[in-house]
Amino acid sequence: MAASAVAPTPLLTDELDIIIPTIRNLDFLEMWRPFFQPYHLIIVQDGDPTKKINVPEGFDYELYNRDDINRILGPKASCISFKDSACRCFGYMVSKKKYIFTIDDDCFVAKDPSGKDINALEQHIKNLLCPATPFFFNTLYDPYREGADFVRGYPFSLREGAPTAVSHGLWLNIPDYDAPTQLVKPRERNSSFDHP
């Protein structure tokens, strides 16, 4: 008799918002559905506020555009830039959750070498819930992982770690460089996946 696979319970569902700045329909959410559906989404529409943004059914979300930001912030609305996905800052402002995960609307689910989808959200949440190694970084493995230990020479006084404040990932294919770097490296691609 084969054992049935039980999906792990999503972490921090009541403590985390997913913020997505967008200029297009959010069809990309279908590939993220198994990972994102238990969470609340804050979608901030960049560009023309009269353009309708379609969000796939079944997601719990709020959708804001420039008109909403003007109404909510009044004369201070100009502090939210709409030129470079910085409109996500409005999402940071309206979120009432302890944690924020932000993703662009052109980020797709990566696959591990066996072809299995990688739950990047879960990995970032685990990173945030684990202590960070202050001042020293172990490039070989996570010393807080079960069964692991610190490398020789790691100070005993730092082995309790420090709270993790940011877990930042990288993109596959076209790196998310600033505009001048993109101009200098137009053919640069990232083809390998490394866990954050």
N, C-alpha and C. Protein backbone atom coordinates (compact mmCIF):
# COMPACT_ATOMS: atom_id res chain seq x y z
N MET A 1 0.84 -1.17 0.00
CA MET A 1 0.00 0.00 0.00
C MET A 1 0.89 1.24 0.00
N ALA A 2 0.68 2.12 -0.96
CA ALA A 2 1.51 3.32 -1.09
C ALA A 2 1.04 4.38 -0.12
N ALA A 3 1.99 5.05 0.50
CA ALA A 3 1.66 6.15 1.41
C ALA A 3 1.28 7.38 0.60
N SER A 4 0.22 8.05 1.01
CA SER A 4 -0.17 9.26 0.28
C SER A 4 0.68 10.43 0.76
N ALA A 5 1.04 11.28 -0.19
CA ALA A 5 1.86 12.45 0.13
C ALA A 5 0.97 13.50 0.78
N VAL A 6 1.38 14.00 1.91
CA VAL A 6 0.63 15.03 2.60
C VAL A 6 1.36 16.35 2.38
N ALA A 7 0.63 17.33 1.85
CA ALA A 7 1.23 18.64 1.62
C ALA A 7 1.49 19.31 2.97
N PRO A 8 2.65 19.95 3.12
CA PRO A 8 2.93 20.62 4.38
C PRO A 8 1.98 21.80 4.60
N THR A 9 1.66 22.07 5.85
CA THR A 9 0.81 23.21 6.17
C THR A 9 1.58 24.49 5.88
N PRO A 10 0.98 25.41 5.11
CA PRO A 10 1.69 26.67 4.81
C PRO A 10 2.01 27.43 6.09
N LEU A 11 3.16 28.06 6.11
CA LEU A 11 3.63 28.80 7.28
C LEU A 11 3.17 30.25 7.24
N LEU A 12 2.87 30.81 8.39
CA LEU A 12 2.61 32.25 8.57
C LEU A 12 1.45 32.78 7.73
N THR A 13 0.42 31.99 7.46
CA THR A 13 -0.66 32.46 6.58
C THR A 13 -1.36 33.71 7.11
N ASP A 14 -1.42 33.88 8.42
CA ASP A 14 -2.07 35.06 9.00
C ASP A 14 -1.09 36.19 9.29
N GLU A 15 0.20 35.97 8.98
CA GLU A 15 1.21 36.97 9.32
C GLU A 15 1.96 37.50 8.11
N LEU A 16 1.57 37.10 6.89
CA LEU A 16 2.35 37.46 5.71
C LEU A 16 1.44 37.92 4.58
N ASP A 17 1.80 39.04 3.96
CA ASP A 17 1.16 39.53 2.74
C ASP A 17 2.12 39.33 1.58
N ILE A 18 1.57 39.02 0.42
CA ILE A 18 2.35 38.95 -0.81
C ILE A 18 2.01 40.19 -1.62
N ILE A 19 3.04 40.97 -1.94
CA ILE A 19 2.84 42.23 -2.67
C ILE A 19 3.35 42.07 -4.09
N ILE A 20 2.49 42.46 -5.06
CA ILE A 20 2.83 42.30 -6.47
C ILE A 20 2.57 43.62 -7.19
N PRO A 21 3.63 44.30 -7.66
CA PRO A 21 3.42 45.44 -8.55
C PRO A 21 3.18 44.88 -9.96
N THR A 22 2.27 45.48 -10.71
CA THR A 22 1.97 44.90 -12.02
C THR A 22 1.52 45.93 -13.04
N ILE A 23 1.77 45.60 -14.30
CA ILE A 23 1.25 46.38 -15.43
C ILE A 23 0.42 45.49 -16.33
N ARG A 24 0.27 44.22 -15.98
CA ARG A 24 -0.40 43.26 -16.87
C ARG A 24 -1.33 42.34 -16.08
N ASN A 25 -2.10 41.55 -16.81
CA ASN A 25 -2.95 40.55 -16.17
C ASN A 25 -2.08 39.58 -15.39
N LEU A 26 -2.64 39.03 -14.36
CA LEU A 26 -1.84 38.20 -13.46
C LEU A 26 -2.02 36.71 -13.71
N ASP A 27 -2.00 36.32 -14.97
CA ASP A 27 -2.10 34.91 -15.33
C ASP A 27 -0.95 34.10 -14.72
N PHE A 28 0.19 34.74 -14.47
CA PHE A 28 1.34 34.04 -13.90
C PHE A 28 1.02 33.45 -12.52
N LEU A 29 -0.03 33.97 -11.87
CA LEU A 29 -0.40 33.46 -10.55
C LEU A 29 -0.85 32.00 -10.59
N GLU A 30 -1.30 31.53 -11.76
CA GLU A 30 -1.73 30.13 -11.86
C GLU A 30 -0.59 29.18 -11.49
N MET A 31 0.63 29.48 -11.96
CA MET A 31 1.74 28.59 -11.63
C MET A 31 2.14 28.69 -10.16
N TRP A 32 1.85 29.83 -9.54
CA TRP A 32 2.17 30.03 -8.13
C TRP A 32 1.01 29.61 -7.21
N ARG A 33 -0.15 29.27 -7.79
CA ARG A 33 -1.35 28.97 -6.99
C ARG A 33 -1.10 28.01 -5.83
N PRO A 34 -0.42 26.87 -6.04
CA PRO A 34 -0.23 25.94 -4.91
C PRO A 34 0.51 26.57 -3.74
N PHE A 35 1.30 27.59 -4.00
CA PHE A 35 2.12 28.21 -2.96
C PHE A 35 1.49 29.49 -2.41
N PHE A 36 0.81 30.27 -3.27
CA PHE A 36 0.31 31.59 -2.88
C PHE A 36 -1.14 31.59 -2.40
N GLN A 37 -1.96 30.62 -2.80
CA GLN A 37 -3.39 30.70 -2.53
C GLN A 37 -3.74 30.84 -1.05
N PRO A 38 -3.01 30.26 -0.11
CA PRO A 38 -3.38 30.44 1.30
C PRO A 38 -3.10 31.85 1.85
N TYR A 39 -2.44 32.68 1.08
CA TYR A 39 -2.00 33.99 1.57
C TYR A 39 -2.82 35.13 0.98
N HIS A 40 -2.77 36.27 1.64
CA HIS A 40 -3.43 37.49 1.16
C HIS A 40 -2.48 38.22 0.21
N LEU A 41 -3.01 38.65 -0.94
CA LEU A 41 -2.21 39.38 -1.92
C LEU A 41 -2.57 40.86 -1.89
N ILE A 42 -1.57 41.70 -2.01
CA ILE A 42 -1.79 43.14 -2.23
C ILE A 42 -1.19 43.43 -3.60
N ILE A 43 -2.05 43.77 -4.54
CA ILE A 43 -1.64 44.02 -5.92
C ILE A 43 -1.68 45.51 -6.17
N VAL A 44 -0.57 46.07 -6.63
CA VAL A 44 -0.50 47.51 -6.91
C VAL A 44 -0.28 47.67 -8.40
N GLN A 45 -1.29 48.24 -9.06
CA GLN A 45 -1.24 48.42 -10.51
C GLN A 45 -0.38 49.62 -10.86
N ASP A 46 0.62 49.37 -11.67
CA ASP A 46 1.50 50.41 -12.19
C ASP A 46 0.88 50.92 -13.49
N GLY A 47 1.07 52.18 -13.80
CA GLY A 47 0.61 52.69 -15.09
C GLY A 47 -0.83 53.16 -15.09
N ASP A 48 -1.49 53.00 -16.24
CA ASP A 48 -2.83 53.52 -16.51
C ASP A 48 -3.87 52.92 -15.56
N PRO A 49 -4.48 53.74 -14.69
CA PRO A 49 -5.45 53.20 -13.74
C PRO A 49 -6.77 52.79 -14.38
N THR A 50 -7.01 53.18 -15.63
CA THR A 50 -8.26 52.78 -16.30
C THR A 50 -8.16 51.39 -16.91
N LYS A 51 -6.94 50.86 -17.03
CA LYS A 51 -6.76 49.52 -17.58
C LYS A 51 -7.19 48.49 -16.53
N LYS A 52 -8.04 47.54 -16.93
CA LYS A 52 -8.50 46.51 -16.01
C LYS A 52 -7.44 45.41 -15.90
N ILE A 53 -7.08 45.09 -14.67
CA ILE A 53 -6.13 44.01 -14.39
C ILE A 53 -6.95 42.78 -13.98
N ASN A 54 -6.74 41.68 -14.68
CA ASN A 54 -7.45 40.44 -14.35
C ASN A 54 -6.62 39.60 -13.39
N VAL A 55 -7.27 39.20 -12.31
CA VAL A 55 -6.65 38.34 -11.30
C VAL A 55 -7.39 37.00 -11.35
N PRO A 56 -6.69 35.89 -11.47
CA PRO A 56 -7.37 34.59 -11.50
C PRO A 56 -8.25 34.40 -10.26
N GLU A 57 -9.36 33.70 -10.44
CA GLU A 57 -10.29 33.45 -9.33
C GLU A 57 -9.64 32.61 -8.24
N GLY A 58 -10.15 32.80 -7.03
CA GLY A 58 -9.72 31.96 -5.92
C GLY A 58 -8.64 32.55 -5.03
N PHE A 59 -8.17 33.75 -5.36
CA PHE A 59 -7.15 34.39 -4.53
C PHE A 59 -7.81 35.45 -3.65
N ASP A 60 -7.31 35.59 -2.43
CA ASP A 60 -7.73 36.64 -1.51
C ASP A 60 -6.82 37.83 -1.79
N TYR A 61 -7.38 38.93 -2.30
CA TYR A 61 -6.51 40.04 -2.69
C TYR A 61 -7.19 41.39 -2.56
N GLU A 62 -6.35 42.43 -2.49
CA GLU A 62 -6.76 43.82 -2.63
C GLU A 62 -6.02 44.34 -3.86
N LEU A 63 -6.68 45.15 -4.67
CA LEU A 63 -6.06 45.72 -5.87
C LEU A 63 -6.12 47.24 -5.77
N TYR A 64 -4.96 47.86 -5.85
CA TYR A 64 -4.87 49.32 -5.79
C TYR A 64 -4.27 49.84 -7.10
N ASN A 65 -4.69 51.06 -7.49
CA ASN A 65 -4.07 51.72 -8.64
C ASN A 65 -3.75 53.16 -8.26
N ARG A 66 -3.28 53.93 -9.22
CA ARG A 66 -2.86 55.32 -8.95
C ARG A 66 -4.01 56.14 -8.37
N ASP A 67 -5.24 55.93 -8.84
CA ASP A 67 -6.38 56.68 -8.31
C ASP A 67 -6.58 56.38 -6.82
N ASP A 68 -6.44 55.11 -6.44
CA ASP A 68 -6.58 54.73 -5.02
C ASP A 68 -5.49 55.39 -4.18
N ILE A 69 -4.28 55.38 -4.70
CA ILE A 69 -3.16 55.96 -3.96
C ILE A 69 -3.36 57.46 -3.79
N ASN A 70 -3.82 58.14 -4.85
CA ASN A 70 -4.11 59.58 -4.74
C ASN A 70 -5.20 59.84 -3.70
N ARG A 71 -6.25 59.01 -3.70
CA ARG A 71 -7.35 59.17 -2.76
C ARG A 71 -6.88 58.93 -1.32
N ILE A 72 -6.08 57.90 -1.11
CA ILE A 72 -5.65 57.53 0.24
C ILE A 72 -4.57 58.46 0.79
N LEU A 73 -3.61 58.83 -0.05
CA LEU A 73 -2.48 59.63 0.42
C LEU A 73 -2.65 61.13 0.20
N GLY A 74 -3.60 61.51 -0.65
CA GLY A 74 -3.81 62.93 -0.91
C GLY A 74 -2.57 63.59 -1.46
N PRO A 75 -2.19 64.76 -0.90
CA PRO A 75 -1.03 65.49 -1.44
C PRO A 75 0.30 64.75 -1.30
N LYS A 76 0.35 63.73 -0.47
CA LYS A 76 1.60 62.98 -0.30
C LYS A 76 1.73 61.82 -1.29
N ALA A 77 0.76 61.66 -2.18
CA ALA A 77 0.76 60.54 -3.13
C ALA A 77 1.97 60.56 -4.06
N SER A 78 2.53 61.74 -4.29
CA SER A 78 3.67 61.83 -5.21
C SER A 78 4.91 61.11 -4.67
N CYS A 79 4.92 60.76 -3.40
CA CYS A 79 6.08 60.04 -2.84
C CYS A 79 6.13 58.59 -3.34
N ILE A 80 5.06 58.10 -3.94
CA ILE A 80 5.03 56.74 -4.49
C ILE A 80 5.33 56.84 -5.98
N SER A 81 6.49 56.37 -6.38
CA SER A 81 6.92 56.41 -7.78
C SER A 81 6.18 55.36 -8.60
N PHE A 82 5.83 55.73 -9.82
CA PHE A 82 5.19 54.79 -10.74
C PHE A 82 6.04 54.63 -11.98
N LYS A 83 7.35 54.64 -11.82
CA LYS A 83 8.24 54.56 -12.98
C LYS A 83 9.05 53.27 -13.01
N ASP A 84 9.15 52.55 -11.91
CA ASP A 84 10.08 51.42 -11.88
C ASP A 84 9.65 50.33 -10.90
N SER A 85 8.37 50.05 -10.84
CA SER A 85 7.80 49.07 -9.91
C SER A 85 7.94 49.50 -8.46
N ALA A 86 8.35 50.72 -8.22
CA ALA A 86 8.45 51.21 -6.85
C ALA A 86 7.07 51.42 -6.25
N CYS A 87 6.02 51.28 -7.06
CA CYS A 87 4.66 51.37 -6.52
C CYS A 87 4.42 50.28 -5.48
N ARG A 88 5.28 49.26 -5.46
CA ARG A 88 5.16 48.21 -4.45
C ARG A 88 5.30 48.82 -3.04
N CYS A 89 5.94 49.98 -2.94
CA CYS A 89 6.09 50.64 -1.63
C CYS A 89 4.73 50.96 -1.02
N PHE A 90 3.74 51.26 -1.88
CA PHE A 90 2.39 51.49 -1.37
C PHE A 90 1.86 50.21 -0.72
N GLY A 91 2.15 49.09 -1.34
CA GLY A 91 1.75 47.80 -0.75
C GLY A 91 2.39 47.60 0.61
N TYR A 92 3.66 47.98 0.74
CA TYR A 92 4.33 47.88 2.04
C TYR A 92 3.58 48.73 3.06
N MET A 93 3.14 49.91 2.62
CA MET A 93 2.49 50.84 3.52
C MET A 93 1.13 50.32 4.00
N VAL A 94 0.34 49.74 3.10
CA VAL A 94 -1.01 49.32 3.49
C VAL A 94 -1.04 47.94 4.16
N SER A 95 0.02 47.18 4.04
CA SER A 95 0.05 45.86 4.69
C SER A 95 0.04 46.04 6.20
N LYS A 96 -0.71 45.18 6.84
CA LYS A 96 -0.77 45.21 8.31
C LYS A 96 -0.15 43.94 8.89
N LYS A 97 0.57 43.22 8.07
CA LYS A 97 1.14 41.95 8.49
C LYS A 97 2.59 42.13 8.97
N LYS A 98 3.05 41.16 9.71
CA LYS A 98 4.42 41.19 10.24
C LYS A 98 5.46 40.96 9.14
N TYR A 99 5.12 40.11 8.16
CA TYR A 99 6.05 39.76 7.09
C TYR A 99 5.48 40.14 5.73
N ILE A 100 6.39 40.47 4.82
CA ILE A 100 6.01 40.81 3.45
C ILE A 100 6.89 40.02 2.50
N PHE A 101 6.25 39.43 1.50
CA PHE A 101 6.95 38.76 0.40
C PHE A 101 6.55 39.52 -0.84
N THR A 102 7.51 39.98 -1.62
CA THR A 102 7.17 40.72 -2.83
C THR A 102 7.76 40.00 -4.03
N ILE A 103 7.01 40.03 -5.11
CA ILE A 103 7.41 39.33 -6.33
C ILE A 103 6.91 40.13 -7.53
N ASP A 104 7.70 40.18 -8.58
CA ASP A 104 7.28 40.86 -9.81
C ASP A 104 6.36 39.95 -10.61
N ASP A 105 5.58 40.58 -11.49
CA ASP A 105 4.60 39.82 -12.28
C ASP A 105 5.21 39.03 -13.43
N ASP A 106 6.52 39.06 -13.55
CA ASP A 106 7.17 38.27 -14.60
C ASP A 106 8.10 37.20 -14.00
N CYS A 107 7.90 36.89 -12.73
CA CYS A 107 8.70 35.84 -12.07
C CYS A 107 7.93 34.53 -12.13
N PHE A 108 8.60 33.51 -12.61
CA PHE A 108 7.96 32.22 -12.78
C PHE A 108 8.54 31.20 -11.80
N VAL A 109 7.78 30.15 -11.55
CA VAL A 109 8.22 29.11 -10.63
C VAL A 109 9.41 28.37 -11.23
N ALA A 110 10.49 28.30 -10.47
CA ALA A 110 11.68 27.57 -10.92
C ALA A 110 11.49 26.09 -10.59
N LYS A 111 12.26 25.27 -11.26
CA LYS A 111 12.22 23.83 -11.03
C LYS A 111 13.59 23.36 -10.55
N ASP A 112 13.59 22.37 -9.67
CA ASP A 112 14.86 21.81 -9.24
C ASP A 112 15.38 20.87 -10.34
N PRO A 113 16.59 20.34 -10.19
CA PRO A 113 17.14 19.48 -11.26
C PRO A 113 16.27 18.28 -11.62
N SER A 114 15.40 17.83 -10.71
CA SER A 114 14.53 16.69 -11.02
C SER A 114 13.25 17.12 -11.73
N GLY A 115 13.06 18.44 -11.89
CA GLY A 115 11.87 18.94 -12.57
C GLY A 115 10.73 19.32 -11.64
N LYS A 116 10.93 19.19 -10.34
CA LYS A 116 9.90 19.52 -9.35
C LYS A 116 9.87 21.03 -9.12
N ASP A 117 8.65 21.60 -9.01
CA ASP A 117 8.51 23.02 -8.72
C ASP A 117 9.14 23.36 -7.37
N ILE A 118 9.80 24.50 -7.31
CA ILE A 118 10.44 24.97 -6.09
C ILE A 118 9.54 26.01 -5.43
N ASN A 119 9.20 25.79 -4.19
CA ASN A 119 8.38 26.73 -3.44
C ASN A 119 9.29 27.80 -2.83
N ALA A 120 9.59 28.82 -3.62
CA ALA A 120 10.49 29.88 -3.16
C ALA A 120 9.91 30.62 -1.96
N LEU A 121 8.60 30.79 -1.91
CA LEU A 121 7.97 31.46 -0.78
C LEU A 121 8.26 30.70 0.52
N GLU A 122 8.07 29.40 0.49
CA GLU A 122 8.33 28.60 1.69
C GLU A 122 9.80 28.71 2.12
N GLN A 123 10.71 28.71 1.16
CA GLN A 123 12.13 28.81 1.49
C GLN A 123 12.45 30.16 2.14
N HIS A 124 11.85 31.24 1.60
CA HIS A 124 12.09 32.56 2.20
C HIS A 124 11.50 32.63 3.61
N ILE A 125 10.32 32.04 3.81
CA ILE A 125 9.72 32.04 5.14
C ILE A 125 10.62 31.28 6.12
N LYS A 126 11.11 30.13 5.70
CA LYS A 126 12.02 29.37 6.57
C LYS A 126 13.28 30.17 6.88
N ASN A 127 13.79 30.90 5.89
CA ASN A 127 14.96 31.75 6.13
C ASN A 127 14.66 32.79 7.21
N LEU A 128 13.46 33.39 7.14
CA LEU A 128 13.10 34.42 8.11
C LEU A 128 12.89 33.85 9.51
N LEU A 129 12.46 32.62 9.59
CA LEU A 129 12.18 32.01 10.89
C LEU A 129 13.42 31.40 11.55
N CYS A 130 14.49 31.28 10.79
CA CYS A 130 15.74 30.72 11.32
C CYS A 130 16.69 31.86 11.67
N PRO A 131 17.53 31.66 12.67
CA PRO A 131 18.50 32.70 12.99
C PRO A 131 19.50 32.88 11.86
N ALA A 132 20.00 34.08 11.74
CA ALA A 132 21.03 34.39 10.76
C ALA A 132 22.39 34.30 11.43
N THR A 133 23.41 34.09 10.65
CA THR A 133 24.77 34.03 11.20
C THR A 133 25.38 35.42 11.10
N PRO A 134 25.47 36.14 12.22
CA PRO A 134 25.99 37.50 12.17
C PRO A 134 27.51 37.54 11.96
N PHE A 135 27.96 38.43 11.11
CA PHE A 135 29.37 38.71 10.86
C PHE A 135 30.12 37.62 10.10
N PHE A 136 29.63 36.40 10.15
CA PHE A 136 30.27 35.28 9.45
C PHE A 136 29.20 34.63 8.58
N PHE A 137 29.57 34.17 7.41
CA PHE A 137 28.62 33.49 6.54
C PHE A 137 29.20 32.16 6.09
N ASN A 138 28.49 31.09 6.34
CA ASN A 138 28.94 29.77 5.94
C ASN A 138 28.42 29.50 4.53
N THR A 139 29.32 29.42 3.57
CA THR A 139 28.91 29.24 2.17
C THR A 139 28.60 27.79 1.83
N LEU A 140 28.90 26.86 2.71
CA LEU A 140 28.69 25.44 2.40
C LEU A 140 27.31 24.93 2.79
N TYR A 141 26.79 25.35 3.92
CA TYR A 141 25.49 24.85 4.38
C TYR A 141 24.98 25.75 5.49
N ASP A 142 23.73 25.56 5.86
CA ASP A 142 23.11 26.30 6.95
C ASP A 142 23.49 25.64 8.27
N PRO A 143 24.25 26.31 9.12
CA PRO A 143 24.67 25.67 10.38
C PRO A 143 23.52 25.44 11.35
N TYR A 144 22.37 26.06 11.11
CA TYR A 144 21.22 25.87 11.99
C TYR A 144 20.34 24.70 11.54
N ARG A 145 20.65 24.13 10.39
CA ARG A 145 19.89 22.99 9.88
C ARG A 145 20.06 21.80 10.83
N GLU A 146 19.01 21.00 10.97
CA GLU A 146 19.08 19.83 11.85
C GLU A 146 20.22 18.92 11.43
N GLY A 147 21.03 18.53 12.41
CA GLY A 147 22.15 17.64 12.16
C GLY A 147 23.43 18.35 11.73
N ALA A 148 23.36 19.64 11.49
CA ALA A 148 24.55 20.39 11.07
C ALA A 148 25.23 21.00 12.29
N ASP A 149 26.43 21.47 12.07
CA ASP A 149 27.17 22.11 13.15
C ASP A 149 27.95 23.27 12.54
N PHE A 150 28.49 24.10 13.39
CA PHE A 150 29.28 25.23 12.92
C PHE A 150 30.66 24.78 12.49
N VAL A 151 31.21 25.46 11.52
CA VAL A 151 32.56 25.13 11.07
C VAL A 151 33.56 25.53 12.15
N ARG A 152 34.72 24.91 12.10
CA ARG A 152 35.77 25.19 13.06
C ARG A 152 36.11 26.68 13.01
N GLY A 153 36.25 27.28 14.16
CA GLY A 153 36.63 28.68 14.23
C GLY A 153 35.47 29.65 14.35
N TYR A 154 34.24 29.16 14.18
CA TYR A 154 33.08 30.06 14.31
C TYR A 154 32.93 30.41 15.78
N PRO A 155 32.90 31.70 16.13
CA PRO A 155 32.89 32.10 17.54
C PRO A 155 31.70 31.53 18.32
N PHE A 156 31.97 30.97 19.48
CA PHE A 156 30.91 30.41 20.32
C PHE A 156 29.90 31.49 20.70
N SER A 157 30.36 32.71 20.90
CA SER A 157 29.47 33.79 21.34
C SER A 157 28.44 34.17 20.28
N LEU A 158 28.65 33.77 19.03
CA LEU A 158 27.72 34.13 17.95
C LEU A 158 26.85 32.96 17.51
N ARG A 159 26.97 31.82 18.14
CA ARG A 159 26.28 30.63 17.65
C ARG A 159 24.78 30.62 17.91
N GLU A 160 24.30 31.51 18.75
CA GLU A 160 22.85 31.60 18.92
C GLU A 160 22.22 32.33 17.74
N GLY A 161 23.01 33.07 17.00
CA GLY A 161 22.50 33.77 15.82
C GLY A 161 21.81 35.08 16.16
N ALA A 162 21.28 35.69 15.14
CA ALA A 162 20.56 36.95 15.25
C ALA A 162 19.29 36.83 14.43
N PRO A 163 18.26 37.61 14.76
CA PRO A 163 17.03 37.53 13.95
C PRO A 163 17.33 37.85 12.48
N THR A 164 16.69 37.11 11.58
CA THR A 164 16.84 37.38 10.16
C THR A 164 15.84 38.46 9.77
N ALA A 165 16.31 39.52 9.15
CA ALA A 165 15.44 40.62 8.76
C ALA A 165 15.05 40.56 7.30
N VAL A 166 15.94 40.09 6.43
CA VAL A 166 15.67 40.08 4.99
C VAL A 166 16.13 38.75 4.41
N SER A 167 15.30 38.17 3.57
CA SER A 167 15.69 37.00 2.78
C SER A 167 15.46 37.39 1.34
N HIS A 168 16.52 37.51 0.58
CA HIS A 168 16.44 38.04 -0.78
C HIS A 168 16.82 36.97 -1.77
N GLY A 169 16.02 36.79 -2.80
CA GLY A 169 16.30 35.78 -3.82
C GLY A 169 16.81 36.40 -5.10
N LEU A 170 17.23 35.53 -5.99
CA LEU A 170 17.69 35.96 -7.31
C LEU A 170 16.79 35.35 -8.36
N TRP A 171 16.86 35.89 -9.56
CA TRP A 171 16.00 35.46 -10.64
C TRP A 171 16.74 34.56 -11.60
N LEU A 172 15.99 33.67 -12.24
CA LEU A 172 16.54 32.88 -13.34
C LEU A 172 16.36 33.66 -14.63
N ASN A 173 17.11 33.34 -15.63
CA ASN A 173 17.08 33.94 -16.96
C ASN A 173 17.66 35.35 -16.91
N ILE A 174 16.84 36.38 -17.07
CA ILE A 174 17.36 37.75 -17.14
C ILE A 174 17.49 38.31 -15.72
N PRO A 175 18.71 38.63 -15.28
CA PRO A 175 18.88 39.19 -13.94
C PRO A 175 18.16 40.53 -13.80
N ASP A 176 17.69 40.82 -12.61
CA ASP A 176 16.95 42.05 -12.35
C ASP A 176 17.92 43.18 -12.01
N TYR A 177 18.72 43.54 -13.01
CA TYR A 177 19.71 44.61 -12.83
C TYR A 177 19.06 45.99 -12.94
N ASP A 178 19.78 47.00 -12.46
CA ASP A 178 19.37 48.37 -12.71
C ASP A 178 19.58 48.66 -14.20
N ALA A 179 18.95 49.73 -14.70
CA ALA A 179 18.98 50.03 -16.14
C ALA A 179 20.40 50.17 -16.72
N PRO A 180 21.32 50.92 -16.08
CA PRO A 180 22.67 51.04 -16.67
C PRO A 180 23.38 49.69 -16.80
N THR A 181 23.24 48.82 -15.80
CA THR A 181 23.88 47.50 -15.87
C THR A 181 23.26 46.66 -16.97
N GLN A 182 21.93 46.74 -17.13
CA GLN A 182 21.27 45.99 -18.21
C GLN A 182 21.79 46.44 -19.57
N LEU A 183 22.05 47.74 -19.73
CA LEU A 183 22.58 48.24 -21.00
C LEU A 183 23.98 47.72 -21.28
N VAL A 184 24.80 47.61 -20.24
CA VAL A 184 26.17 47.15 -20.40
C VAL A 184 26.23 45.63 -20.59
N LYS A 185 25.28 44.90 -20.02
CA LYS A 185 25.28 43.43 -20.09
C LYS A 185 23.96 42.91 -20.68
N PRO A 186 23.64 43.27 -21.92
CA PRO A 186 22.33 42.91 -22.48
C PRO A 186 22.12 41.41 -22.68
N ARG A 187 23.17 40.63 -22.80
CA ARG A 187 23.03 39.19 -23.05
C ARG A 187 23.27 38.33 -21.80
N GLU A 188 23.46 38.98 -20.67
CA GLU A 188 23.72 38.25 -19.42
C GLU A 188 22.49 37.43 -19.02
N ARG A 189 22.71 36.18 -18.66
CA ARG A 189 21.63 35.30 -18.23
C ARG A 189 22.09 34.51 -17.01
N ASN A 190 21.14 34.19 -16.14
CA ASN A 190 21.39 33.34 -14.99
C ASN A 190 20.65 32.04 -15.26
N SER A 191 21.38 30.97 -15.46
CA SER A 191 20.74 29.72 -15.84
C SER A 191 20.75 28.66 -14.74
N SER A 192 21.40 28.94 -13.62
CA SER A 192 21.43 27.94 -12.55
C SER A 192 20.63 28.44 -11.36
N PHE A 193 20.10 27.50 -10.60
CA PHE A 193 19.30 27.84 -9.44
C PHE A 193 20.06 27.51 -8.18
N ASP A 194 20.13 28.47 -7.29
CA ASP A 194 20.70 28.25 -5.96
C ASP A 194 19.68 28.73 -4.95
N HIS A 195 19.44 27.93 -3.93
CA HIS A 195 18.48 28.34 -2.89
C HIS A 195 18.96 29.63 -2.25
N PRO A 196 18.00 30.52 -1.90
CA PRO A 196 18.38 31.76 -1.21
C PRO A 196 18.94 31.48 0.16
